[in-house]
PDB file of N, CA and C in Angstrom:
ATOM      1  N   UNK A   1      62.101  76.890 108.408  1.00  0.00           N
ATOM      2  CA  UNK A   1      62.235  77.256 109.810  1.00  0.00           C
ATOM      3  C   UNK A   1      60.889  77.031 110.504  1.00  0.00           C
ATOM      4  N   UNK A   2      60.956  76.542 111.711  1.00  0.00           N
ATOM      5  CA  UNK A   2      59.735  76.292 112.462  1.00  0.00           C
ATOM      6  C   UNK A   2      59.101  77.615 112.884  1.00  0.00           C
ATOM      7  N   UNK A   3      57.820  77.592 113.095  1.00  0.00           N
ATOM      8  CA  UNK A   3      57.074  78.766 113.517  1.00  0.00           C
ATOM      9  C   UNK A   3      56.950  78.745 115.031  1.00  0.00           C
ATOM     10  N   UNK A   4      57.765  79.539 115.705  1.00  0.00           N
ATOM     11  CA  UNK A   4      57.768  79.568 117.168  1.00  0.00           C
ATOM     12  C   UNK A   4      57.988  80.991 117.648  1.00  0.00           C
ATOM     13  N   UNK A   5      57.770  81.188 118.932  1.00  0.00           N
ATOM     14  CA  UNK A   5      58.042  82.453 119.599  1.00  0.00           C
ATOM     15  C   UNK A   5      59.493  82.848 119.354  1.00  0.00           C
ATOM     16  N   UNK A   6      59.750  84.129 119.171  1.00  0.00           N
ATOM     17  CA  UNK A   6      61.102  84.582 118.849  1.00  0.00           C
ATOM     18  C   UNK A   6      62.111  84.221 119.940  1.00  0.00           C
ATOM     19  N   UNK A   7      61.664  84.088 121.191  1.00  0.00           N
ATOM     20  CA  UNK A   7      62.601  83.712 122.260  1.00  0.00           C
ATOM     21  C   UNK A   7      63.023  82.253 122.158  1.00  0.00           C
ATOM     22  N   UNK A   8      62.114  81.380 121.726  1.00  0.00           N
ATOM     23  CA  UNK A   8      62.469  79.975 121.489  1.00  0.00           C
ATOM     24  C   UNK A   8      63.437  79.892 120.320  1.00  0.00           C
ATOM     25  N   UNK A   9      63.155  80.618 119.241  1.00  0.00           N
ATOM     26  CA  UNK A   9      64.037  80.590 118.078  1.00  0.00           C
ATOM     27  C   UNK A   9      65.423  81.120 118.424  1.00  0.00           C
ATOM     28  N   UNK A  10      65.492  82.179 119.216  1.00  0.00           N
ATOM     29  CA  UNK A  10      66.784  82.735 119.621  1.00  0.00           C
ATOM     30  C   UNK A  10      67.550  81.729 120.485  1.00  0.00           C
ATOM     31  N   UNK A  11      66.857  81.053 121.388  1.00  0.00           N
ATOM     32  CA  UNK A  11      67.495  80.034 122.218  1.00  0.00           C
ATOM     33  C   UNK A  11      68.062  78.921 121.343  1.00  0.00           C
ATOM     34  N   UNK A  12      67.279  78.422 120.412  1.00  0.00           N
ATOM     35  CA  UNK A  12      67.739  77.350 119.530  1.00  0.00           C
ATOM     36  C   UNK A  12      68.967  77.775 118.726  1.00  0.00           C
ATOM     37  N   UNK A  13      69.020  79.035 118.332  1.00  0.00           N
ATOM     38  CA  UNK A  13      70.169  79.536 117.579  1.00  0.00           C
ATOM     39  C   UNK A  13      71.432  79.573 118.441  1.00  0.00           C
ATOM     40  N   UNK A  14      71.280  79.775 119.752  1.00  0.00           N
ATOM     41  CA  UNK A  14      72.438  79.858 120.655  1.00  0.00           C
ATOM     42  C   UNK A  14      72.898  78.489 121.162  1.00  0.00           C
ATOM     43  N   UNK A  15      71.995  77.540 121.245  1.00  0.00           N
ATOM     44  CA  UNK A  15      72.352  76.223 121.779  1.00  0.00           C
ATOM     45  C   UNK A  15      73.287  75.487 120.818  1.00  0.00           C
ATOM     46  N   UNK A  16      74.187  74.654 121.335  1.00  0.00           N
ATOM     47  CA  UNK A  16      75.111  73.898 120.480  1.00  0.00           C
ATOM     48  C   UNK A  16      74.431  72.667 119.879  1.00  0.00           C
ATOM     49  N   UNK A  17      73.353  72.895 119.142  1.00  0.00           N
ATOM     50  CA  UNK A  17      72.549  71.798 118.594  1.00  0.00           C
ATOM     51  C   UNK A  17      73.394  70.887 117.696  1.00  0.00           C
ATOM     52  N   UNK A  18      74.095  71.450 116.735  1.00  0.00           N
ATOM     53  CA  UNK A  18      74.894  70.651 115.796  1.00  0.00           C
ATOM     54  C   UNK A  18      76.070  69.989 116.501  1.00  0.00           C
ATOM     55  N   UNK A  19      76.740  70.716 117.361  1.00  0.00           N
ATOM     56  CA  UNK A  19      77.889  70.159 118.082  1.00  0.00           C
ATOM     57  C   UNK A  19      77.502  68.932 118.896  1.00  0.00           C
ATOM     58  N   UNK A  20      76.339  68.981 119.535  1.00  0.00           N
ATOM     59  CA  UNK A  20      75.889  67.886 120.396  1.00  0.00           C
ATOM     60  C   UNK A  20      75.081  66.837 119.634  1.00  0.00           C
ATOM     61  N   UNK A  21      74.718  67.165 118.391  1.00  0.00           N
ATOM     62  CA  UNK A  21      73.917  66.236 117.606  1.00  0.00           C
ATOM     63  C   UNK A  21      72.449  66.245 117.995  1.00  0.00           C
ATOM     64  N   UNK A  22      72.001  67.304 118.647  1.00  0.00           N
ATOM     65  CA  UNK A  22      70.610  67.388 119.087  1.00  0.00           C
ATOM     66  C   UNK A  22      69.698  67.779 117.934  1.00  0.00           C
ATOM     67  N   UNK A  23      68.448  67.350 118.037  1.00  0.00           N
ATOM     68  CA  UNK A  23      67.437  67.659 117.025  1.00  0.00           C
ATOM     69  C   UNK A  23      66.186  68.200 117.717  1.00  0.00           C
ATOM     70  N   UNK A  24      65.404  68.912 116.956  1.00  0.00           N
ATOM     71  CA  UNK A  24      64.124  69.422 117.436  1.00  0.00           C
ATOM     72  C   UNK A  24      63.080  68.330 117.239  1.00  0.00           C
ATOM     73  N   UNK A  25      62.333  68.057 118.291  1.00  0.00           N
ATOM     74  CA  UNK A  25      61.233  67.105 118.242  1.00  0.00           C
ATOM     75  C   UNK A  25      60.006  67.873 118.718  1.00  0.00           C
ATOM     76  N   UNK A  26      59.238  68.341 117.763  1.00  0.00           N
ATOM     77  CA  UNK A  26      58.148  69.256 118.101  1.00  0.00           C
ATOM     78  C   UNK A  26      56.799  68.578 118.007  1.00  0.00           C
ATOM     79  N   UNK A  27      56.320  68.063 119.140  1.00  0.00           N
ATOM     80  CA  UNK A  27      54.990  67.458 119.209  1.00  0.00           C
ATOM     81  C   UNK A  27      53.923  68.503 119.508  1.00  0.00           C
ATOM     82  N   UNK A  28      54.331  69.754 119.624  1.00  0.00           N
ATOM     83  CA  UNK A  28      53.435  70.814 120.071  1.00  0.00           C
ATOM     84  C   UNK A  28      53.402  71.948 119.076  1.00  0.00           C
ATOM     85  N   UNK A  29      53.053  71.659 117.829  1.00  0.00           N
ATOM     86  CA  UNK A  29      53.014  72.680 116.781  1.00  0.00           C
ATOM     87  C   UNK A  29      52.196  73.899 117.191  1.00  0.00           C
ATOM     88  N   UNK A  30      51.116  73.683 117.900  1.00  0.00           N
ATOM     89  CA  UNK A  30      50.238  74.776 118.285  1.00  0.00           C
ATOM     90  C   UNK A  30      50.792  75.595 119.445  1.00  0.00           C
ATOM     91  N   UNK A  31      51.751  75.046 120.169  1.00  0.00           N
ATOM     92  CA  UNK A  31      52.355  75.757 121.300  1.00  0.00           C
ATOM     93  C   UNK A  31      53.567  76.513 120.783  1.00  0.00           C
ATOM     94  N   UNK A  32      53.385  77.793 120.516  1.00  0.00           N
ATOM     95  CA  UNK A  32      54.445  78.601 119.924  1.00  0.00           C
ATOM     96  C   UNK A  32      55.558  78.940 120.898  1.00  0.00           C
ATOM     97  N   UNK A  33      55.348  78.680 122.181  1.00  0.00           N
ATOM     98  CA  UNK A  33      56.339  79.045 123.191  1.00  0.00           C
ATOM     99  C   UNK A  33      57.047  77.838 123.781  1.00  0.00           C
ATOM    100  N   UNK A  34      56.991  76.703 123.077  1.00  0.00           N
ATOM    101  CA  UNK A  34      57.637  75.495 123.597  1.00  0.00           C
ATOM    102  C   UNK A  34      58.162  74.649 122.442  1.00  0.00           C
ATOM    103  N   UNK A  35      59.187  73.854 122.775  1.00  0.00           N
ATOM    104  CA  UNK A  35      59.770  72.952 121.791  1.00  0.00           C
ATOM    105  C   UNK A  35      60.431  71.801 122.539  1.00  0.00           C
ATOM    106  N   UNK A  36      60.529  70.668 121.874  1.00  0.00           N
ATOM    107  CA  UNK A  36      61.248  69.535 122.430  1.00  0.00           C
ATOM    108  C   UNK A  36      62.608  69.407 121.770  1.00  0.00           C
ATOM    109  N   UNK A  37      63.602  69.009 122.552  1.00  0.00           N
ATOM    110  CA  UNK A  37      64.949  68.791 122.037  1.00  0.00           C
ATOM    111  C   UNK A  37      65.363  67.379 122.439  1.00  0.00           C
ATOM    112  N   UNK A  38      65.935  66.638 121.479  1.00  0.00           N
ATOM    113  CA  UNK A  38      66.311  65.241 121.727  1.00  0.00           C
ATOM    114  C   UNK A  38      67.605  64.928 120.988  1.00  0.00           C
ATOM    115  N   UNK A  39      68.115  63.728 121.226  1.00  0.00           N
ATOM    116  CA  UNK A  39      69.223  63.199 120.445  1.00  0.00           C
ATOM    117  C   UNK A  39      68.612  62.215 119.468  1.00  0.00           C
ATOM    118  N   UNK A  40      69.067  62.182 118.210  1.00  0.00           N
ATOM    119  CA  UNK A  40      68.427  61.299 117.231  1.00  0.00           C
ATOM    120  C   UNK A  40      68.495  59.811 117.572  1.00  0.00           C
ATOM    121  N   UNK A  41      69.397  59.422 118.459  1.00  0.00           N
ATOM    122  CA  UNK A  41      69.466  58.012 118.839  1.00  0.00           C
ATOM    123  C   UNK A  41      68.294  57.596 119.715  1.00  0.00           C
ATOM    124  N   UNK A  42      67.595  58.562 120.300  1.00  0.00           N
ATOM    125  CA  UNK A  42      66.435  58.268 121.147  1.00  0.00           C
ATOM    126  C   UNK A  42      65.546  59.503 121.216  1.00  0.00           C
ATOM    127  N   UNK A  43      64.731  59.703 120.176  1.00  0.00           N
ATOM    128  CA  UNK A  43      63.931  60.930 120.084  1.00  0.00           C
ATOM    129  C   UNK A  43      62.780  60.982 121.079  1.00  0.00           C
ATOM    130  N   UNK A  44      62.519  59.892 121.781  1.00  0.00           N
ATOM    131  CA  UNK A  44      61.466  59.938 122.800  1.00  0.00           C
ATOM    132  C   UNK A  44      62.017  60.346 124.156  1.00  0.00           C
ATOM    133  N   UNK A  45      63.317  60.358 124.313  1.00  0.00           N
ATOM    134  CA  UNK A  45      63.956  60.873 125.524  1.00  0.00           C
ATOM    135  C   UNK A  45      64.285  62.324 125.199  1.00  0.00           C
ATOM    136  N   UNK A  46      63.468  63.231 125.699  1.00  0.00           N
ATOM    137  CA  UNK A  46      63.626  64.616 125.270  1.00  0.00           C
ATOM    138  C   UNK A  46      63.534  65.599 126.432  1.00  0.00           C
ATOM    139  N   UNK A  47      63.909  66.810 126.103  1.00  0.00           N
ATOM    140  CA  UNK A  47      63.766  67.923 127.039  1.00  0.00           C
ATOM    141  C   UNK A  47      62.784  68.898 126.405  1.00  0.00           C
ATOM    142  N   UNK A  48      61.696  69.130 127.102  1.00  0.00           N
ATOM    143  CA  UNK A  48      60.648  70.049 126.682  1.00  0.00           C
ATOM    144  C   UNK A  48      60.986  71.407 127.298  1.00  0.00           C
ATOM    145  N   UNK A  49      61.154  72.424 126.463  1.00  0.00           N
ATOM    146  CA  UNK A  49      61.566  73.758 126.915  1.00  0.00           C
ATOM    147  C   UNK A  49      60.450  74.752 126.600  1.00  0.00           C
ATOM    148  N   UNK A  50      60.138  75.612 127.567  1.00  0.00           N
ATOM    149  CA  UNK A  50      59.058  76.582 127.395  1.00  0.00           C
ATOM    150  C   UNK A  50      59.493  77.977 127.838  1.00  0.00           C
ATOM    151  N   UNK A  51      59.000  78.967 127.105  1.00  0.00           N
ATOM    152  CA  UNK A  51      59.203  80.370 127.480  1.00  0.00           C
ATOM    153  C   UNK A  51      57.898  81.021 127.939  1.00  0.00           C
ATOM    154  N   UNK A  52      56.849  80.233 128.093  1.00  0.00           N
ATOM    155  CA  UNK A  52      55.536  80.765 128.438  1.00  0.00           C
ATOM    156  C   UNK A  52      55.574  81.524 129.769  1.00  0.00           C
ATOM    157  N   UNK A  53      55.164  82.775 129.741  1.00  0.00           N
ATOM    158  CA  UNK A  53      55.114  83.664 130.905  1.00  0.00           C
ATOM    159  C   UNK A  53      56.483  83.812 131.584  1.00  0.00           C
ATOM    160  N   UNK A  54      57.543  83.795 130.776  1.00  0.00           N
ATOM    161  CA  UNK A  54      58.901  83.952 131.307  1.00  0.00           C
ATOM    162  C   UNK A  54      59.510  85.251 130.786  1.00  0.00           C
ATOM    163  N   UNK A  55      60.355  85.855 131.604  1.00  0.00           N
ATOM    164  CA  UNK A  55      61.120  87.007 131.153  1.00  0.00           C
ATOM    165  C   UNK A  55      62.193  86.518 130.193  1.00  0.00           C
ATOM    166  N   UNK A  56      62.731  87.429 129.387  1.00  0.00           N
ATOM    167  CA  UNK A  56      63.803  87.055 128.463  1.00  0.00           C
ATOM    168  C   UNK A  56      64.945  86.381 129.212  1.00  0.00           C
ATOM    169  N   UNK A  57      65.436  85.287 128.643  1.00  0.00           N
ATOM    170  CA  UNK A  57      66.552  84.577 129.232  1.00  0.00           C
ATOM    171  C   UNK A  57      66.179  83.611 130.342  1.00  0.00           C
ATOM    172  N   UNK A  58      64.889  83.395 130.564  1.00  0.00           N
ATOM    173  CA  UNK A  58      64.412  82.473 131.604  1.00  0.00           C
ATOM    174  C   UNK A  58      63.558  81.395 130.948  1.00  0.00           C
ATOM    175  N   UNK A  59      63.640  80.177 131.493  1.00  0.00           N
ATOM    176  CA  UNK A  59      62.987  79.024 130.864  1.00  0.00           C
ATOM    177  C   UNK A  59      62.446  78.064 131.910  1.00  0.00           C
ATOM    178  N   UNK A  60      61.424  77.322 131.504  1.00  0.00           N
ATOM    179  CA  UNK A  60      60.970  76.143 132.225  1.00  0.00           C
ATOM    180  C   UNK A  60      61.371  74.955 131.360  1.00  0.00           C
ATOM    181  N   UNK A  61      61.683  73.822 132.008  1.00  0.00           N
ATOM    182  CA  UNK A  61      61.981  72.621 131.230  1.00  0.00           C
ATOM    183  C   UNK A  61      61.508  71.390 131.980  1.00  0.00           C
ATOM    184  N   UNK A  62      61.258  70.339 131.214  1.00  0.00           N
ATOM    185  CA  UNK A  62      60.959  69.017 131.754  1.00  0.00           C
ATOM    186  C   UNK A  62      61.728  67.993 130.943  1.00  0.00           C
ATOM    187  N   UNK A  63      62.417  67.102 131.634  1.00  0.00           N
ATOM    188  CA  UNK A  63      63.135  66.000 130.997  1.00  0.00           C
ATOM    189  C   UNK A  63      62.215  64.792 130.996  1.00  0.00           C
ATOM    190  N   UNK A  64      61.949  64.267 129.815  1.00  0.00           N
ATOM    191  CA  UNK A  64      61.008  63.165 129.666  1.00  0.00           C
ATOM    192  C   UNK A  64      61.731  61.880 129.269  1.00  0.00           C
ATOM    193  N   UNK A  65      61.300  60.763 129.884  1.00  0.00           N
ATOM    194  CA  UNK A  65      61.842  59.434 129.612  1.00  0.00           C
ATOM    195  C   UNK A  65      60.678  58.533 129.217  1.00  0.00           C
ATOM    196  N   UNK A  66      60.781  57.826 128.088  1.00  0.00           N
ATOM    197  CA  UNK A  66      59.679  56.956 127.676  1.00  0.00           C
ATOM    198  C   UNK A  66      59.491  55.789 128.648  1.00  0.00           C
ATOM    199  N   UNK A  67      58.224  55.438 128.874  1.00  0.00           N
ATOM    200  CA  UNK A  67      57.897  54.307 129.749  1.00  0.00           C
ATOM    201  C   UNK A  67      57.118  53.223 129.011  1.00  0.00           C
ATOM    202  N   UNK A  68      56.808  53.461 127.753  1.00  0.00           N
ATOM    203  CA  UNK A  68      56.061  52.510 126.944  1.00  0.00           C
ATOM    204  C   UNK A  68      56.108  52.926 125.496  1.00  0.00           C
ATOM    205  N   UNK A  69      55.335  52.243 124.659  1.00  0.00           N
ATOM    206  CA  UNK A  69      55.388  52.469 123.223  1.00  0.00           C
ATOM    207  C   UNK A  69      54.628  53.715 122.758  1.00  0.00           C
ATOM    208  N   UNK A  70      53.606  54.117 123.497  1.00  0.00           N
ATOM    209  CA  UNK A  70      52.783  55.235 123.067  1.00  0.00           C
ATOM    210  C   UNK A  70      53.435  56.588 123.310  1.00  0.00           C
ATOM    211  N   UNK A  71      53.073  57.594 122.501  1.00  0.00           N
ATOM    212  CA  UNK A  71      53.663  58.917 122.659  1.00  0.00           C
ATOM    213  C   UNK A  71      53.339  59.569 124.004  1.00  0.00           C
ATOM    214  N   UNK A  72      52.266  59.130 124.635  1.00  0.00           N
ATOM    215  CA  UNK A  72      51.914  59.691 125.941  1.00  0.00           C
ATOM    216  C   UNK A  72      52.414  58.816 127.097  1.00  0.00           C
ATOM    217  N   UNK A  73      53.229  57.818 126.786  1.00  0.00           N
ATOM    218  CA  UNK A  73      53.810  56.938 127.804  1.00  0.00           C
ATOM    219  C   UNK A  73      55.213  57.428 128.144  1.00  0.00           C
ATOM    220  N   UNK A  74      55.289  58.332 129.102  1.00  0.00           N
ATOM    221  CA  UNK A  74      56.570  58.855 129.537  1.00  0.00           C
ATOM    222  C   UNK A  74      56.455  59.306 130.982  1.00  0.00           C
ATOM    223  N   UNK A  75      57.606  59.482 131.606  1.00  0.00           N
ATOM    224  CA  UNK A  75      57.655  60.036 132.943  1.00  0.00           C
ATOM    225  C   UNK A  75      58.610  61.216 132.919  1.00  0.00           C
ATOM    226  N   UNK A  76      58.401  62.143 133.816  1.00  0.00           N
ATOM    227  CA  UNK A  76      59.285  63.293 133.945  1.00  0.00           C
ATOM    228  C   UNK A  76      60.353  62.951 134.968  1.00  0.00           C
ATOM    229  N   UNK A  77      61.609  62.975 134.535  1.00  0.00           N
ATOM    230  CA  UNK A  77      62.714  62.605 135.419  1.00  0.00           C
ATOM    231  C   UNK A  77      63.391  63.803 136.075  1.00  0.00           C
ATOM    232  N   UNK A  78      63.184  64.990 135.517  1.00  0.00           N
ATOM    233  CA  UNK A  78      63.786  66.212 136.056  1.00  0.00           C
ATOM    234  C   UNK A  78      62.998  67.384 135.513  1.00  0.00           C
ATOM    235  N   UNK A  79      63.002  68.472 136.255  1.00  0.00           N
ATOM    236  CA  UNK A  79      62.339  69.685 135.769  1.00  0.00           C
ATOM    237  C   UNK A  79      62.988  70.892 136.409  1.00  0.00           C
ATOM    238  N   UNK A  80      62.823  72.003 135.746  1.00  0.00           N
ATOM    239  CA  UNK A  80      63.308  73.268 136.278  1.00  0.00           C
ATOM    240  C   UNK A  80      62.330  74.365 135.924  1.00  0.00           C
ATOM    241  N   UNK A  81      62.174  75.299 136.825  1.00  0.00           N
ATOM    242  CA  UNK A  81      61.266  76.416 136.588  1.00  0.00           C
ATOM    243  C   UNK A  81      62.023  77.723 136.720  1.00  0.00           C
ATOM    244  N   UNK A  82      61.820  78.599 135.736  1.00  0.00           N
ATOM    245  CA  UNK A  82      62.403  79.936 135.738  1.00  0.00           C
ATOM    246  C   UNK A  82      63.929  79.885 135.864  1.00  0.00           C
ATOM    247  N   UNK A  83      64.561  79.009 135.079  1.00  0.00           N
ATOM    248  CA  UNK A  83      66.009  78.844 135.133  1.00  0.00           C
ATOM    249  C   UNK A  83      66.682  79.695 134.069  1.00  0.00           C
ATOM    250  N   UNK A  84      67.945  80.006 134.303  1.00  0.00           N
ATOM    251  CA  UNK A  84      68.746  80.721 133.326  1.00  0.00           C
ATOM    252  C   UNK A  84      69.223  79.742 132.258  1.00  0.00           C
ATOM    253  N   UNK A  85      69.751  80.281 131.176  1.00  0.00           N
ATOM    254  CA  UNK A  85      70.175  79.460 130.053  1.00  0.00           C
ATOM    255  C   UNK A  85      71.270  78.459 130.436  1.00  0.00           C
ATOM    256  N   UNK A  86      72.190  78.845 131.312  1.00  0.00           N
ATOM    257  CA  UNK A  86      73.257  77.929 131.732  1.00  0.00           C
ATOM    258  C   UNK A  86      72.712  76.697 132.422  1.00  0.00           C
ATOM    259  N   UNK A  87      71.719  76.869 133.271  1.00  0.00           N
ATOM    260  CA  UNK A  87      71.100  75.727 133.962  1.00  0.00           C
ATOM    261  C   UNK A  87      70.328  74.861 132.974  1.00  0.00           C
ATOM    262  N   UNK A  88      69.691  75.484 132.011  1.00  0.00           N
ATOM    263  CA  UNK A  88      68.980  74.727 130.976  1.00  0.00           C
ATOM    264  C   UNK A  88      69.972  73.910 130.155  1.00  0.00           C
ATOM    265  N   UNK A  89      71.071  74.518 129.748  1.00  0.00           N
ATOM    266  CA  UNK A  89      72.076  73.810 128.971  1.00  0.00           C
ATOM    267  C   UNK A  89      72.633  72.617 129.752  1.00  0.00           C
ATOM    268  N   UNK A  90      72.894  72.801 131.036  1.00  0.00           N
ATOM    269  CA  UNK A  90      73.384  71.700 131.872  1.00  0.00           C
ATOM    270  C   UNK A  90      72.369  70.561 131.912  1.00  0.00           C
ATOM    271  N   UNK A  91      71.084  70.876 132.030  1.00  0.00           N
ATOM    272  CA  UNK A  91      70.034  69.848 132.045  1.00  0.00           C
ATOM    273  C   UNK A  91      69.974  69.121 130.699  1.00  0.00           C
ATOM    274  N   UNK A  92      70.087  69.865 129.599  1.00  0.00           N
ATOM    275  CA  UNK A  92      70.090  69.250 128.271  1.00  0.00           C
ATOM    276  C   UNK A  92      71.278  68.290 128.144  1.00  0.00           C
ATOM    277  N   UNK A  93      72.437  68.730 128.547  1.00  0.00           N
ATOM    278  CA  UNK A  93      73.634  67.888 128.426  1.00  0.00           C
ATOM    279  C   UNK A  93      73.524  66.626 129.270  1.00  0.00           C
ATOM    280  N   UNK A  94      73.005  66.756 130.480  1.00  0.00           N
ATOM    281  CA  UNK A  94      72.819  65.602 131.361  1.00  0.00           C
ATOM    282  C   UNK A  94      71.833  64.607 130.765  1.00  0.00           C
ATOM    283  N   UNK A  95      70.684  65.123 130.375  1.00  0.00           N
ATOM    284  CA  UNK A  95      69.579  64.258 129.958  1.00  0.00           C
ATOM    285  C   UNK A  95      69.801  63.644 128.578  1.00  0.00           C
ATOM    286  N   UNK A  96      70.465  64.361 127.707  1.00  0.00           N
ATOM    287  CA  UNK A  96      70.603  63.892 126.327  1.00  0.00           C
ATOM    288  C   UNK A  96      71.949  63.254 126.037  1.00  0.00           C
ATOM    289  N   UNK A  97      72.768  63.048 127.071  1.00  0.00           N
ATOM    290  CA  UNK A  97      74.032  62.356 126.869  1.00  0.00           C
ATOM    291  C   UNK A  97      73.744  60.944 126.371  1.00  0.00           C
ATOM    292  N   UNK A  98      74.517  60.492 125.426  1.00  0.00           N
ATOM    293  CA  UNK A  98      74.265  59.145 124.874  1.00  0.00           C
ATOM    294  C   UNK A  98      75.526  58.317 124.879  1.00  0.00           C
TER     295      UNK A  98
END
């Protein structure tokens, strides 16, 4: 199991990760309050989710799209701040549809 904030772990347990085929892509091992979620067909197209300075059940997210070969070559196509889980799930489904 990954070492993350208990709110991130609880969120991951509730999300339909297996049903949707989503995987964890964690480029931020040191950031215990954030994780990336992607589809294995394109692990560089991901949704970065954070609980940093958020109340329980609230999240920030950024949808990232690769723009080049390097790991830092991406653009943010969508973002949400202080959203509820339903809005986060909708963003994940939109962005990670394949």
